[in-house]
PDB file of N, CA and C in Angstrom:
ATOM      1  N   MET A   1       7.066   7.437  -5.583  1.00  0.00           N
ATOM      2  CA  MET A   1       5.818   7.578  -5.664  1.00  0.00           C
ATOM      3  C   MET A   1       5.004   8.418  -4.800  1.00  0.00           C
ATOM      4  N   THR A   2       3.511   8.915  -5.314  1.00  0.00           N
ATOM      5  CA  THR A   2       2.718   9.352  -4.846  1.00  0.00           C
ATOM      6  C   THR A   2       2.601   9.020  -3.965  1.00  0.00           C
ATOM      7  N   VAL A   3       1.469   9.622  -2.894  1.00  0.00           N
ATOM      8  CA  VAL A   3       0.833   8.742  -1.612  1.00  0.00           C
ATOM      9  C   VAL A   3      -0.541   7.998  -3.572  1.00  0.00           C
ATOM     10  N   GLU A   4      -1.159   8.427  -4.104  1.00  0.00           N
ATOM     11  CA  GLU A   4      -2.675   8.240  -4.736  1.00  0.00           C
ATOM     12  C   GLU A   4      -1.358   7.133  -5.256  1.00  0.00           C
ATOM     13  N   GLU A   5      -0.789   7.080  -6.012  1.00  0.00           N
ATOM     14  CA  GLU A   5       0.365   6.071  -6.947  1.00  0.00           C
ATOM     15  C   GLU A   5       0.282   4.660  -6.515  1.00  0.00           C
ATOM     16  N   LEU A   6       0.820   4.667  -5.571  1.00  0.00           N
ATOM     17  CA  LEU A   6       0.997   3.691  -3.802  1.00  0.00           C
ATOM     18  C   LEU A   6      -0.601   3.178  -3.427  1.00  0.00           C
ATOM     19  N   LYS A   7      -1.749   3.969  -3.312  1.00  0.00           N
ATOM     20  CA  LYS A   7      -2.550   3.097  -3.498  1.00  0.00           C
ATOM     21  C   LYS A   7      -3.016   2.873  -4.525  1.00  0.00           C
ATOM     22  N   LYS A   8      -2.658   2.973  -5.511  1.00  0.00           N
ATOM     23  CA  LYS A   8      -3.528   2.320  -7.028  1.00  0.00           C
ATOM     24  C   LYS A   8      -2.542   0.897  -7.057  1.00  0.00           C
ATOM     25  N   LEU A   9      -1.243   1.477  -6.659  1.00  0.00           N
ATOM     26  CA  LEU A   9      -0.367   0.142  -6.901  1.00  0.00           C
ATOM     27  C   LEU A   9      -0.540  -1.080  -5.845  1.00  0.00           C
ATOM     28  N   TRP A  10      -0.918  -0.949  -4.359  1.00  0.00           N
ATOM     29  CA  TRP A  10      -1.028  -2.348  -3.462  1.00  0.00           C
ATOM     30  C   TRP A  10      -2.424  -2.233  -2.948  1.00  0.00           C
ATOM     31  N   GLY A  11      -3.228  -1.519  -3.223  1.00  0.00           N
ATOM     32  CA  GLY A  11      -4.902  -0.739  -3.103  1.00  0.00           C
ATOM     33  C   GLY A  11      -4.942  -0.471  -1.379  1.00  0.00           C
ATOM     34  N   LYS A  12      -6.176   0.456  -1.464  1.00  0.00           N
ATOM     35  CA  LYS A  12      -6.170   1.250  -0.028  1.00  0.00           C
ATOM     36  C   LYS A  12      -5.836   0.589   0.891  1.00  0.00           C
ATOM     37  N   ASP A  13      -6.328  -1.253   0.954  1.00  0.00           N
ATOM     38  CA  ASP A  13      -6.652  -1.831   2.427  1.00  0.00           C
ATOM     39  C   ASP A  13      -4.762  -2.030   2.593  1.00  0.00           C
ATOM     40  N   LEU A  14      -3.806  -2.786   1.559  1.00  0.00           N
ATOM     41  CA  LEU A  14      -2.860  -2.671   1.624  1.00  0.00           C
ATOM     42  C   LEU A  14      -2.272  -1.765   1.946  1.00  0.00           C
ATOM     43  N   PHE A  15      -2.041  -0.823   1.610  1.00  0.00           N
ATOM     44  CA  PHE A  15      -1.468   0.780   1.810  1.00  0.00           C
ATOM     45  C   PHE A  15      -1.723   1.427   3.291  1.00  0.00           C
ATOM     46  N   GLU A  16      -2.619   1.133   3.601  1.00  0.00           N
ATOM     47  CA  GLU A  16      -2.802   1.513   4.980  1.00  0.00           C
ATOM     48  C   GLU A  16      -2.451   0.660   5.995  1.00  0.00           C
ATOM     49  N   ALA A  17      -2.258  -0.311   5.403  1.00  0.00           N
ATOM     50  CA  ALA A  17      -1.759  -1.013   6.456  1.00  0.00           C
ATOM     51  C   ALA A  17      -0.253  -1.505   6.479  1.00  0.00           C
ATOM     52  N   PHE A  18       0.683  -0.363   5.395  1.00  0.00           N
ATOM     53  CA  PHE A  18       1.922  -0.106   5.201  1.00  0.00           C
ATOM     54  C   PHE A  18       3.011   0.759   4.530  1.00  0.00           C
ATOM     55  N   ALA A  19       1.834   1.625   5.234  1.00  0.00           N
ATOM     56  CA  ALA A  19       2.145   2.735   4.684  1.00  0.00           C
ATOM     57  C   ALA A  19       3.690   3.402   5.391  1.00  0.00           C
ATOM     58  N   ASP A  20       4.061   3.331   6.280  1.00  0.00           N
ATOM     59  CA  ASP A  20       5.047   3.827   6.517  1.00  0.00           C
ATOM     60  C   ASP A  20       6.722   3.428   6.250  1.00  0.00           C
ATOM     61  N   HIS A  21       6.345   1.604   5.243  1.00  0.00           N
ATOM     62  CA  HIS A  21       7.309   0.832   5.481  1.00  0.00           C
ATOM     63  C   HIS A  21       7.260   1.140   3.610  1.00  0.00           C
ATOM     64  N   PHE A  22       7.205   1.764   2.725  1.00  0.00           N
ATOM     65  CA  PHE A  22       7.708   1.218   1.108  1.00  0.00           C
ATOM     66  C   PHE A  22       8.632   2.527   1.157  1.00  0.00           C
ATOM     67  N   THR A  23       9.149   1.741   0.139  1.00  0.00           N
ATOM     68  CA  THR A  23       9.868   2.763  -0.500  1.00  0.00           C
ATOM     69  C   THR A  23       9.492   3.977  -1.785  1.00  0.00           C
ATOM     70  N   ASN A  24      10.571   5.344  -1.463  1.00  0.00           N
ATOM     71  CA  ASN A  24      10.117   6.130  -2.796  1.00  0.00           C
ATOM     72  C   ASN A  24       9.671   5.040  -4.111  1.00  0.00           C
ATOM     73  N   ASP A  25      10.649   3.646  -4.532  1.00  0.00           N
ATOM     74  CA  ASP A  25      10.116   3.739  -5.824  1.00  0.00           C
ATOM     75  C   ASP A  25       8.664   2.014  -5.899  1.00  0.00           C
ATOM     76  N   GLY A  26       8.178   1.971  -3.744  1.00  0.00           N
ATOM     77  CA  GLY A  26       7.084   1.093  -3.945  1.00  0.00           C
ATOM     78  C   GLY A  26       7.486   0.098  -3.692  1.00  0.00           C
ATOM     79  N   TRP A  27       8.681  -0.207  -3.269  1.00  0.00           N
ATOM     80  CA  TRP A  27       8.552  -1.619  -2.692  1.00  0.00           C
ATOM     81  C   TRP A  27       8.379  -2.009  -1.430  1.00  0.00           C
ATOM     82  N   LEU A  28       8.354  -3.317  -1.331  1.00  0.00           N
ATOM     83  CA  LEU A  28       7.449  -3.297   1.078  1.00  0.00           C
ATOM     84  C   LEU A  28       9.073  -4.217   0.381  1.00  0.00           C
ATOM     85  N   THR A  29       9.626  -4.242   2.120  1.00  0.00           N
ATOM     86  CA  THR A  29      10.103  -5.076   2.437  1.00  0.00           C
ATOM     87  C   THR A  29       9.618  -6.804   2.994  1.00  0.00           C
ATOM     88  N   THR A  30      10.655  -8.014   2.284  1.00  0.00           N
ATOM     89  CA  THR A  30       9.894  -9.202   2.551  1.00  0.00           C
ATOM     90  C   THR A  30       9.578  -9.620   3.973  1.00  0.00           C
ATOM     91  N   ASP A  31      10.027  -9.151   4.443  1.00  0.00           N
ATOM     92  CA  ASP A  31       9.805  -9.220   5.558  1.00  0.00           C
ATOM     93  C   ASP A  31       8.477  -8.684   6.597  1.00  0.00           C
ATOM     94  N   TRP A  32       7.598  -8.516   5.536  1.00  0.00           N
ATOM     95  CA  TRP A  32       6.065  -7.805   5.777  1.00  0.00           C
ATOM     96  C   TRP A  32       5.539  -8.349   6.969  1.00  0.00           C
ATOM     97  N   GLY A  33       5.094 -10.131   6.920  1.00  0.00           N
ATOM     98  CA  GLY A  33       5.002 -10.427   8.540  1.00  0.00           C
ATOM     99  C   GLY A  33       5.183  -9.991   9.606  1.00  0.00           C
ATOM    100  N   GLN A  34       6.084  -9.648  10.215  1.00  0.00           N
ATOM    101  CA  GLN A  34       6.468  -8.702  10.791  1.00  0.00           C
ATOM    102  C   GLN A  34       5.930  -7.060  11.156  1.00  0.00           C
ATOM    103  N   ILE A  35       5.870  -6.727  10.157  1.00  0.00           N
ATOM    104  CA  ILE A  35       5.617  -5.741  10.031  1.00  0.00           C
ATOM    105  C   ILE A  35       3.811  -5.142  10.375  1.00  0.00           C
ATOM    106  N   ILE A  36       3.479  -6.635   9.983  1.00  0.00           N
ATOM    107  CA  ILE A  36       1.183  -6.387  10.783  1.00  0.00           C
ATOM    108  C   ILE A  36       1.879  -7.492  11.880  1.00  0.00           C
ATOM    109  N   GLU A  37       2.863  -8.291  12.378  1.00  0.00           N
ATOM    110  CA  GLU A  37       2.584  -8.726  13.496  1.00  0.00           C
ATOM    111  C   GLU A  37       3.074  -7.908  14.732  1.00  0.00           C
ATOM    112  N   ASN A  38       3.834  -6.232  14.204  1.00  0.00           N
ATOM    113  CA  ASN A  38       4.063  -5.313  14.688  1.00  0.00           C
ATOM    114  C   ASN A  38       3.055  -4.290  15.276  1.00  0.00           C
ATOM    115  N   GLU A  39       2.568  -4.582  14.143  1.00  0.00           N
ATOM    116  CA  GLU A  39       1.274  -2.687  14.170  1.00  0.00           C
ATOM    117  C   GLU A  39       0.585  -2.729  13.776  1.00  0.00           C
ATOM    118  N   ILE A  40       0.143  -4.199  13.663  1.00  0.00           N
ATOM    119  CA  ILE A  40      -1.927  -4.827  13.709  1.00  0.00           C
ATOM    120  C   ILE A  40      -2.421  -6.091  14.791  1.00  0.00           C
ATOM    121  N   PRO A  41      -2.858  -5.552  15.652  1.00  0.00           N
ATOM    122  CA  PRO A  41      -3.042  -6.649  16.858  1.00  0.00           C
ATOM    123  C   PRO A  41      -3.838  -7.697  16.115  1.00  0.00           C
ATOM    124  N   GLN A  42      -3.533  -8.907  17.136  1.00  0.00           N
ATOM    125  CA  GLN A  42      -4.242  -9.879  16.551  1.00  0.00           C
ATOM    126  C   GLN A  42      -5.763 -10.368  16.856  1.00  0.00           C
ATOM    127  N   PHE A  43      -6.286  -9.826  18.350  1.00  0.00           N
ATOM    128  CA  PHE A  43      -7.309  -9.331  18.624  1.00  0.00           C
ATOM    129  C   PHE A  43      -7.627  -8.013  19.414  1.00  0.00           C
ATOM    130  N   ASP A  44      -8.759  -7.415  19.659  1.00  0.00           N
ATOM    131  CA  ASP A  44      -9.111  -6.923  20.623  1.00  0.00           C
ATOM    132  C   ASP A  44      -9.188  -6.632  21.557  1.00  0.00           C
ATOM    133  N   ASN A  45     -10.070  -5.503  22.376  1.00  0.00           N
ATOM    134  CA  ASN A  45      -9.415  -5.557  23.624  1.00  0.00           C
ATOM    135  C   ASN A  45     -10.298  -6.500  24.421  1.00  0.00           C
ATOM    136  N   ASP A  46     -11.619  -7.204  23.968  1.00  0.00           N
ATOM    137  CA  ASP A  46     -12.314  -8.067  24.419  1.00  0.00           C
ATOM    138  C   ASP A  46     -12.198  -9.853  24.444  1.00  0.00           C
ATOM    139  N   TRP A  47     -11.219  -9.786  23.216  1.00  0.00           N
ATOM    140  CA  TRP A  47     -10.189 -10.823  23.357  1.00  0.00           C
ATOM    141  C   TRP A  47     -10.728 -10.861  22.438  1.00  0.00           C
ATOM    142  N   ASN A  48     -11.582 -10.810  20.965  1.00  0.00           N
ATOM    143  CA  ASN A  48     -12.432 -11.417  19.694  1.00  0.00           C
ATOM    144  C   ASN A  48     -10.916 -11.019  18.663  1.00  0.00           C
ATOM    145  N   ASP A  49     -11.624 -12.696  17.527  1.00  0.00           N
ATOM    146  CA  ASP A  49      -9.796 -11.861  16.562  1.00  0.00           C
ATOM    147  C   ASP A  49     -11.006 -10.291  15.578  1.00  0.00           C
ATOM    148  N   ASN A  50      -8.927  -9.895  15.182  1.00  0.00           N
ATOM    149  CA  ASN A  50      -8.948  -8.509  14.496  1.00  0.00           C
ATOM    150  C   ASN A  50      -8.799  -9.366  13.783  1.00  0.00           C
ATOM    151  N   PRO A  51      -9.750  -8.385  12.508  1.00  0.00           N
ATOM    152  CA  PRO A  51     -10.456  -8.798  11.252  1.00  0.00           C
ATOM    153  C   PRO A  51      -9.230  -8.740  10.257  1.00  0.00           C
ATOM    154  N   ARG A  52      -9.375  -7.417  10.568  1.00  0.00           N
ATOM    155  CA  ARG A  52      -7.716  -6.665  10.101  1.00  0.00           C
ATOM    156  C   ARG A  52      -6.528  -7.480   9.696  1.00  0.00           C
ATOM    157  N   TYR A  53      -6.088  -7.553  10.889  1.00  0.00           N
ATOM    158  CA  TYR A  53      -5.497  -9.087  10.672  1.00  0.00           C
ATOM    159  C   TYR A  53      -5.170  -9.604   9.887  1.00  0.00           C
ATOM    160  N   LYS A  54      -6.101 -10.582   9.997  1.00  0.00           N
ATOM    161  CA  LYS A  54      -6.580 -12.021   9.216  1.00  0.00           C
ATOM    162  C   LYS A  54      -6.414 -11.909   7.624  1.00  0.00           C
ATOM    163  N   ASP A  55      -7.317 -10.281   7.806  1.00  0.00           N
ATOM    164  CA  ASP A  55      -7.020  -9.694   6.135  1.00  0.00           C
ATOM    165  C   ASP A  55      -6.341  -9.533   6.034  1.00  0.00           C
ATOM    166  N   THR A  56      -5.434  -8.802   6.020  1.00  0.00           N
ATOM    167  CA  THR A  56      -4.054  -8.263   5.972  1.00  0.00           C
ATOM    168  C   THR A  56      -3.141  -9.300   5.381  1.00  0.00           C
ATOM    169  N   TYR A  57      -2.889 -10.348   6.443  1.00  0.00           N
ATOM    170  CA  TYR A  57      -2.169 -11.332   5.829  1.00  0.00           C
ATOM    171  C   TYR A  57      -2.637 -12.563   4.606  1.00  0.00           C
ATOM    172  N   GLN A  58      -3.900 -12.422   4.915  1.00  0.00           N
ATOM    173  CA  GLN A  58      -4.482 -12.827   3.785  1.00  0.00           C
ATOM    174  C   GLN A  58      -4.653 -12.275   2.542  1.00  0.00           C
ATOM    175  N   ARG A  59      -4.749 -10.919   2.046  1.00  0.00           N
ATOM    176  CA  ARG A  59      -3.695 -10.746   1.059  1.00  0.00           C
ATOM    177  C   ARG A  59      -3.044 -10.755   0.407  1.00  0.00           C
ATOM    178  N   MET A  60      -1.559 -10.505   1.685  1.00  0.00           N
ATOM    179  CA  MET A  60      -0.630 -10.396   1.126  1.00  0.00           C
ATOM    180  C   MET A  60      -0.240 -11.923   0.753  1.00  0.00           C
ATOM    181  N   TYR A  61      -0.495 -12.598   0.912  1.00  0.00           N
ATOM    182  CA  TYR A  61      -0.559 -14.203   0.847  1.00  0.00           C
ATOM    183  C   TYR A  61      -1.106 -13.949  -0.714  1.00  0.00           C
ATOM    184  N   LEU A  62      -2.229 -13.527  -1.167  1.00  0.00           N
ATOM    185  CA  LEU A  62      -2.593 -14.212  -1.884  1.00  0.00           C
ATOM    186  C   LEU A  62      -2.019 -12.876  -3.672  1.00  0.00           C
ATOM    187  N   LEU A  63      -1.109 -12.407  -2.935  1.00  0.00           N
ATOM    188  CA  LEU A  63      -0.798 -10.992  -3.933  1.00  0.00           C
ATOM    189  C   LEU A  63       0.072 -12.211  -4.741  1.00  0.00           C
ATOM    190  N   ASP A  64       0.293 -10.998  -6.194  1.00  0.00           N
ATOM    191  CA  ASP A  64       1.024 -11.344  -6.859  1.00  0.00           C
ATOM    192  C   ASP A  64       2.055 -10.678  -6.931  1.00  0.00           C
ATOM    193  N   HIS A  65       2.847 -11.568  -6.852  1.00  0.00           N
ATOM    194  CA  HIS A  65       3.791  -9.806  -7.264  1.00  0.00           C
ATOM    195  C   HIS A  65       5.488 -10.201  -7.247  1.00  0.00           C
ATOM    196  N   VAL A  66       6.042  -9.022  -8.195  1.00  0.00           N
ATOM    197  CA  VAL A  66       6.922  -9.244  -7.752  1.00  0.00           C
ATOM    198  C   VAL A  66       8.411  -9.148  -7.259  1.00  0.00           C
ATOM    199  N   GLU A  67       9.516  -9.692  -7.161  1.00  0.00           N
ATOM    200  CA  GLU A  67      10.894  -9.743  -6.584  1.00  0.00           C
ATOM    201  C   GLU A  67      11.914  -8.680  -6.707  1.00  0.00           C
ATOM    202  N   SER A  68      12.213  -8.115  -5.848  1.00  0.00           N
ATOM    203  CA  SER A  68      13.642  -7.057  -6.406  1.00  0.00           C
ATOM    204  C   SER A  68      15.206  -8.659  -6.293  1.00  0.00           C
ATOM    205  N   ASP A  69      16.008  -7.377  -7.259  1.00  0.00           N
ATOM    206  CA  ASP A  69      17.199  -8.117  -7.493  1.00  0.00           C
ATOM    207  C   ASP A  69      17.463  -8.767  -6.830  1.00  0.00           C
ATOM    208  N   CYS A  70      17.163  -7.767  -5.465  1.00  0.00           N
ATOM    209  CA  CYS A  70      18.686  -8.194  -4.076  1.00  0.00           C
ATOM    210  C   CYS A  70      17.514  -9.709  -3.174  1.00  0.00           C
ATOM    211  N   GLY A  71      16.066  -9.464  -3.872  1.00  0.00           N
ATOM    212  CA  GLY A  71      15.306 -10.884  -2.793  1.00  0.00           C
ATOM    213  C   GLY A  71      14.919 -10.111  -1.691  1.00  0.00           C
ATOM    214  N   LYS A  72      14.839  -8.532  -1.557  1.00  0.00           N
ATOM    215  CA  LYS A  72      14.952  -7.600   0.311  1.00  0.00           C
ATOM    216  C   LYS A  72      13.380  -7.318  -0.390  1.00  0.00           C
ATOM    217  N   PHE A  73      13.129  -7.279  -1.445  1.00  0.00           N
ATOM    218  CA  PHE A  73      11.507  -6.271  -1.204  1.00  0.00           C
ATOM    219  C   PHE A  73      10.663  -6.654  -2.184  1.00  0.00           C
ATOM    220  N   ILE A  74       9.686  -6.283  -2.081  1.00  0.00           N
ATOM    221  CA  ILE A  74       8.075  -7.418  -3.278  1.00  0.00           C
ATOM    222  C   ILE A  74       7.151  -5.355  -3.830  1.00  0.00           C
ATOM    223  N   LYS A  75       6.694  -6.343  -5.051  1.00  0.00           N
ATOM    224  CA  LYS A  75       5.507  -4.781  -5.357  1.00  0.00           C
ATOM    225  C   LYS A  75       5.126  -6.165  -6.342  1.00  0.00           C
ATOM    226  N   PRO A  76       3.507  -5.814  -5.757  1.00  0.00           N
ATOM    227  CA  PRO A  76       2.490  -6.098  -6.983  1.00  0.00           C
ATOM    228  C   PRO A  76       2.881  -6.278  -8.569  1.00  0.00           C
ATOM    229  N   ILE A  77       2.569  -7.163  -8.981  1.00  0.00           N
ATOM    230  CA  ILE A  77       2.272  -7.120 -10.890  1.00  0.00           C
ATOM    231  C   ILE A  77       1.648  -5.823 -11.339  1.00  0.00           C
ATOM    232  N   ASP A  78       1.675  -5.166 -11.935  1.00  0.00           N
ATOM    233  CA  ASP A  78       0.635  -3.683 -11.892  1.00  0.00           C
ATOM    234  C   ASP A  78      -0.900  -4.854 -13.350  1.00  0.00           C
TER     235      ASP A  78
END
């Protein structure tokens, strides 16, 4: 998939959060929570909540998705 196709499928915000973790076919690992924990800080330098951290988790929990046959990847329902 092209970058534009991935952005259309996942949406701009989720694409930016997981850009380095999609497969060539647009699948994302089911362990996406660990990606958020490792790459998006929960707090800023002043210990305020990071809205991107919370928003990314919220978007993923509300996402309607299909699971791959092996159960290791997800993709939004078109």
